[in-house]
Structures are given as structure tokens and as C-alpha cells.
């Protein structure tokens, strides 16, 4: 299969599959037994990660842009990855 024919899903579908969201309630799902283990129950796949409240929501919109706050750390861009926002054509 050539690079031109390489399959890629829509970016919002890939995000839904690769990002793990935290539990809504810290005590667990409704009706769960007490002290049941929370978190991810399946093994981590390549590319999966959890959401962070201390990160850009849409990283592709901030690709290659420096942060404006003095003393802020770099946004950890991958220089080899150029993602376009999923809202663009």
C-alpha cells in the first residue's frame, strides 16, 4: 500500500479512541461496590493518553506557537508532526 493510499480516520474519531477521560465521580460508577479499582482497566495501546486540565485542549491550533506568559515552559510540540486542526479543510 502506498503512502497515498494509507488509511487514516477523521481526527475527532482518532481522538475519541486515543484519549482516556477520567471518571465523572471519584467514588466510581453508580452502583459499584465500595473500593472498586478505578481508572483504565484494559492495557494501554500505542498513542493512548489521558486528558489533562493543564494542557491545551486543541493542540493542533497551538502547533509551533510560543507561549506568551513570561516564564512559561515550552508546549512540547513534536517538530516532526504537523497536524492541521480538524475544523480546517
N, C-alpha and C. Protein backbone atom coordinates (compact mmCIF):
# COMPACT_ATOMS: atom_id res chain seq x y z
N UNK A 1 0.84 -1.16 0.00
CA UNK A 1 0.00 0.00 0.00
C UNK A 1 0.89 1.24 0.00
N UNK A 2 0.67 2.14 -0.90
CA UNK A 2 1.50 3.34 -0.98
C UNK A 2 1.06 4.35 0.07
N UNK A 3 1.89 5.39 0.26
CA UNK A 3 1.56 6.42 1.24
C UNK A 3 0.28 7.15 0.86
N UNK A 4 0.02 7.27 -0.43
CA UNK A 4 -1.17 7.96 -0.88
C UNK A 4 -2.44 7.20 -0.50
N UNK A 5 -2.35 5.88 -0.44
CA UNK A 5 -3.50 5.04 -0.13
C UNK A 5 -3.60 4.69 1.36
N UNK A 6 -2.71 5.22 2.17
CA UNK A 6 -2.70 4.90 3.60
C UNK A 6 -3.98 5.41 4.26
N UNK A 7 -4.64 4.53 5.01
CA UNK A 7 -5.90 4.88 5.65
C UNK A 7 -5.66 5.69 6.92
N UNK A 8 -6.46 6.71 7.10
CA UNK A 8 -6.44 7.49 8.33
C UNK A 8 -7.88 7.89 8.64
N UNK A 9 -8.25 7.77 9.89
CA UNK A 9 -9.59 8.13 10.30
C UNK A 9 -9.69 9.63 10.51
N UNK A 10 -10.90 10.15 10.65
CA UNK A 10 -11.07 11.55 10.98
C UNK A 10 -10.39 11.83 12.31
N UNK A 11 -9.86 13.04 12.47
CA UNK A 11 -9.10 13.32 13.69
C UNK A 11 -9.97 13.25 14.94
N UNK A 12 -11.25 13.64 14.85
CA UNK A 12 -12.08 13.56 16.06
C UNK A 12 -12.40 12.11 16.42
N UNK A 13 -12.42 11.20 15.45
CA UNK A 13 -12.61 9.77 15.75
C UNK A 13 -11.34 9.22 16.40
N UNK A 14 -10.18 9.61 15.89
CA UNK A 14 -8.91 9.16 16.47
C UNK A 14 -8.76 9.68 17.90
N UNK A 15 -9.16 10.91 18.14
CA UNK A 15 -9.07 11.48 19.48
C UNK A 15 -9.96 10.71 20.44
N UNK A 16 -11.17 10.37 20.00
CA UNK A 16 -12.07 9.61 20.85
C UNK A 16 -11.53 8.24 21.21
N UNK A 17 -10.75 7.66 20.31
CA UNK A 17 -10.18 6.34 20.57
C UNK A 17 -8.88 6.41 21.37
N UNK A 18 -8.13 7.50 21.25
CA UNK A 18 -6.81 7.58 21.87
C UNK A 18 -6.77 8.32 23.20
N UNK A 19 -7.79 9.12 23.50
CA UNK A 19 -7.79 9.86 24.76
C UNK A 19 -8.70 9.18 25.76
N UNK A 20 -8.20 8.98 26.95
CA UNK A 20 -8.96 8.34 28.02
C UNK A 20 -9.47 9.45 28.94
N UNK A 21 -10.78 9.47 29.17
CA UNK A 21 -11.35 10.51 30.03
C UNK A 21 -11.41 10.01 31.47
N UNK A 22 -11.29 10.91 32.44
CA UNK A 22 -11.33 10.48 33.84
C UNK A 22 -12.76 10.12 34.26
N UNK A 23 -12.88 9.43 35.37
CA UNK A 23 -14.20 9.09 35.92
C UNK A 23 -14.93 10.38 36.31
N UNK A 24 -16.25 10.41 36.09
CA UNK A 24 -17.04 11.57 36.48
C UNK A 24 -17.14 11.72 37.99
N UNK A 25 -17.24 10.61 38.67
CA UNK A 25 -17.36 10.64 40.12
C UNK A 25 -16.19 9.88 40.73
N UNK A 26 -15.52 10.46 41.71
CA UNK A 26 -14.33 9.80 42.27
C UNK A 26 -14.64 8.50 42.99
N UNK A 27 -15.89 8.32 43.45
CA UNK A 27 -16.21 7.08 44.15
C UNK A 27 -16.56 5.95 43.20
N UNK A 28 -16.59 6.22 41.91
CA UNK A 28 -16.84 5.18 40.93
C UNK A 28 -18.21 5.30 40.29
N UNK A 29 -18.52 4.42 39.37
CA UNK A 29 -19.81 4.46 38.71
C UNK A 29 -20.95 4.18 39.69
N UNK A 30 -22.13 4.63 39.34
CA UNK A 30 -23.30 4.43 40.20
C UNK A 30 -23.54 2.94 40.42
N UNK A 31 -23.70 2.55 41.67
CA UNK A 31 -23.98 1.17 42.00
C UNK A 31 -22.77 0.28 42.11
N UNK A 32 -21.58 0.83 42.00
CA UNK A 32 -20.38 -0.01 42.08
C UNK A 32 -20.07 -0.34 43.54
N UNK A 33 -19.46 -1.49 43.78
CA UNK A 33 -19.09 -1.81 45.16
C UNK A 33 -18.03 -0.85 45.69
N UNK A 34 -17.98 -0.70 46.99
CA UNK A 34 -17.03 0.21 47.63
C UNK A 34 -15.61 -0.31 47.39
N UNK A 35 -14.69 0.62 47.20
CA UNK A 35 -13.27 0.34 46.99
C UNK A 35 -12.98 -0.44 45.72
N UNK A 36 -13.87 -0.37 44.75
CA UNK A 36 -13.58 -1.00 43.47
C UNK A 36 -12.49 -0.18 42.77
N UNK A 37 -11.56 -0.84 42.13
CA UNK A 37 -10.44 -0.16 41.48
C UNK A 37 -10.96 0.71 40.33
N UNK A 38 -10.56 1.98 40.32
CA UNK A 38 -10.96 2.90 39.27
C UNK A 38 -9.83 3.08 38.28
N UNK A 39 -10.16 3.72 37.18
CA UNK A 39 -9.15 4.00 36.17
C UNK A 39 -9.27 3.08 34.98
N UNK A 40 -8.23 3.04 34.20
CA UNK A 40 -8.22 2.24 32.98
C UNK A 40 -8.07 0.77 33.34
N UNK A 41 -8.98 -0.06 32.82
CA UNK A 41 -8.97 -1.48 33.16
C UNK A 41 -8.35 -2.33 32.06
N UNK A 42 -8.14 -1.76 30.89
CA UNK A 42 -7.52 -2.50 29.79
C UNK A 42 -6.09 -2.02 29.60
N UNK A 43 -5.24 -2.80 28.94
CA UNK A 43 -3.85 -2.36 28.72
C UNK A 43 -3.80 -1.12 27.82
N UNK A 44 -2.77 -0.32 28.03
CA UNK A 44 -2.58 0.88 27.22
C UNK A 44 -2.14 0.48 25.82
N UNK A 45 -2.72 1.13 24.82
CA UNK A 45 -2.32 0.94 23.43
C UNK A 45 -1.37 2.07 23.04
N UNK A 46 -0.65 1.84 21.96
CA UNK A 46 0.25 2.88 21.43
C UNK A 46 -0.56 4.12 21.07
N UNK A 47 -0.14 5.27 21.55
CA UNK A 47 -0.80 6.52 21.22
C UNK A 47 -1.89 6.93 22.19
N UNK A 48 -2.28 6.07 23.12
CA UNK A 48 -3.31 6.44 24.08
C UNK A 48 -2.72 7.30 25.18
N UNK A 49 -3.51 8.24 25.68
CA UNK A 49 -3.11 9.09 26.78
C UNK A 49 -4.35 9.61 27.47
N UNK A 50 -4.18 10.19 28.63
CA UNK A 50 -5.32 10.73 29.36
C UNK A 50 -5.35 12.25 29.19
N UNK A 51 -6.53 12.80 29.36
CA UNK A 51 -6.68 14.25 29.29
C UNK A 51 -6.05 14.90 30.51
N UNK A 52 -5.56 16.11 30.34
CA UNK A 52 -5.00 16.87 31.44
C UNK A 52 -5.69 18.23 31.48
N UNK A 53 -6.00 18.70 32.67
CA UNK A 53 -6.61 20.02 32.82
C UNK A 53 -5.59 21.13 32.63
N UNK A 54 -4.32 20.78 32.58
CA UNK A 54 -3.25 21.78 32.49
C UNK A 54 -2.58 21.75 31.13
N UNK A 55 -3.36 21.59 30.09
CA UNK A 55 -2.83 21.45 28.75
C UNK A 55 -3.76 22.16 27.78
N UNK A 56 -3.28 22.40 26.57
CA UNK A 56 -4.14 22.97 25.55
C UNK A 56 -5.19 21.95 25.14
N UNK A 57 -6.43 22.41 24.96
CA UNK A 57 -7.49 21.50 24.54
C UNK A 57 -7.27 21.06 23.09
N UNK A 58 -6.99 22.01 22.22
CA UNK A 58 -6.76 21.70 20.81
C UNK A 58 -5.29 21.99 20.50
N UNK A 59 -4.45 21.00 20.68
CA UNK A 59 -3.01 21.19 20.49
C UNK A 59 -2.67 21.61 19.07
N UNK A 60 -3.45 21.12 18.10
CA UNK A 60 -3.13 21.44 16.71
C UNK A 60 -3.32 22.93 16.42
N UNK A 61 -4.18 23.61 17.17
CA UNK A 61 -4.35 25.05 16.97
C UNK A 61 -3.18 25.85 17.52
N UNK A 62 -2.41 25.25 18.42
CA UNK A 62 -1.28 25.93 19.05
C UNK A 62 0.05 25.38 18.57
N UNK A 63 0.04 24.58 17.51
CA UNK A 63 1.26 23.98 16.99
C UNK A 63 2.23 25.08 16.56
N UNK A 64 3.45 25.00 17.01
CA UNK A 64 4.55 25.91 16.64
C UNK A 64 4.34 27.35 17.11
N UNK A 65 3.48 27.58 18.08
CA UNK A 65 3.30 28.92 18.63
C UNK A 65 3.91 28.98 20.03
N UNK A 66 4.76 29.98 20.30
CA UNK A 66 5.33 30.07 21.65
C UNK A 66 4.27 30.57 22.64
N UNK A 67 4.42 30.22 23.88
CA UNK A 67 3.51 30.72 24.91
C UNK A 67 3.89 32.16 25.23
N UNK A 68 2.89 32.96 25.56
CA UNK A 68 3.09 34.40 25.75
C UNK A 68 3.43 34.77 27.19
N UNK A 69 3.13 33.93 28.15
CA UNK A 69 3.37 34.24 29.55
C UNK A 69 4.86 34.14 29.86
N UNK A 70 5.45 35.15 30.50
CA UNK A 70 6.87 35.06 30.83
C UNK A 70 7.12 33.91 31.82
N UNK A 71 8.14 33.15 31.57
CA UNK A 71 8.48 32.04 32.44
C UNK A 71 7.72 30.76 32.15
N UNK A 72 6.87 30.76 31.12
CA UNK A 72 6.10 29.56 30.79
C UNK A 72 7.01 28.54 30.10
N UNK A 73 6.76 27.28 30.37
CA UNK A 73 7.56 26.24 29.74
C UNK A 73 7.11 26.03 28.30
N UNK A 74 7.94 25.45 27.44
CA UNK A 74 7.55 25.25 26.04
C UNK A 74 6.39 24.25 25.94
N UNK A 75 5.57 24.34 24.89
CA UNK A 75 4.38 23.49 24.79
C UNK A 75 4.65 22.05 24.38
N UNK A 76 5.90 21.63 24.30
CA UNK A 76 6.27 20.25 23.96
C UNK A 76 5.73 19.80 22.61
N UNK A 77 5.87 20.66 21.62
CA UNK A 77 5.47 20.29 20.27
C UNK A 77 6.38 19.22 19.72
N UNK A 78 5.84 18.39 18.89
CA UNK A 78 6.64 17.41 18.16
C UNK A 78 7.05 18.08 16.86
N UNK A 79 8.33 18.41 16.67
CA UNK A 79 8.73 19.15 15.46
C UNK A 79 8.51 18.36 14.18
N UNK A 80 8.40 17.04 14.27
CA UNK A 80 8.20 16.22 13.07
C UNK A 80 6.73 15.99 12.75
N UNK A 81 5.84 16.46 13.59
CA UNK A 81 4.41 16.21 13.38
C UNK A 81 3.72 17.53 13.10
N UNK A 82 3.07 17.62 11.98
CA UNK A 82 2.34 18.82 11.59
C UNK A 82 0.87 18.46 11.46
N UNK A 83 0.10 18.70 12.51
CA UNK A 83 -1.33 18.40 12.50
C UNK A 83 -2.10 19.64 12.12
N UNK A 84 -3.07 19.46 11.27
CA UNK A 84 -3.98 20.54 10.95
C UNK A 84 -5.20 20.40 11.85
N UNK A 85 -5.80 21.52 12.26
CA UNK A 85 -7.00 21.41 13.09
C UNK A 85 -8.10 20.68 12.33
N UNK A 86 -8.90 19.92 13.04
CA UNK A 86 -9.92 19.15 12.36
C UNK A 86 -11.04 20.01 11.82
N UNK A 87 -11.06 21.31 12.17
CA UNK A 87 -12.08 22.20 11.65
C UNK A 87 -11.69 22.79 10.31
N UNK A 88 -10.44 22.61 9.88
CA UNK A 88 -10.00 23.19 8.61
C UNK A 88 -10.29 22.24 7.47
N UNK A 89 -10.25 22.78 6.27
CA UNK A 89 -10.50 21.95 5.08
C UNK A 89 -9.22 21.44 4.50
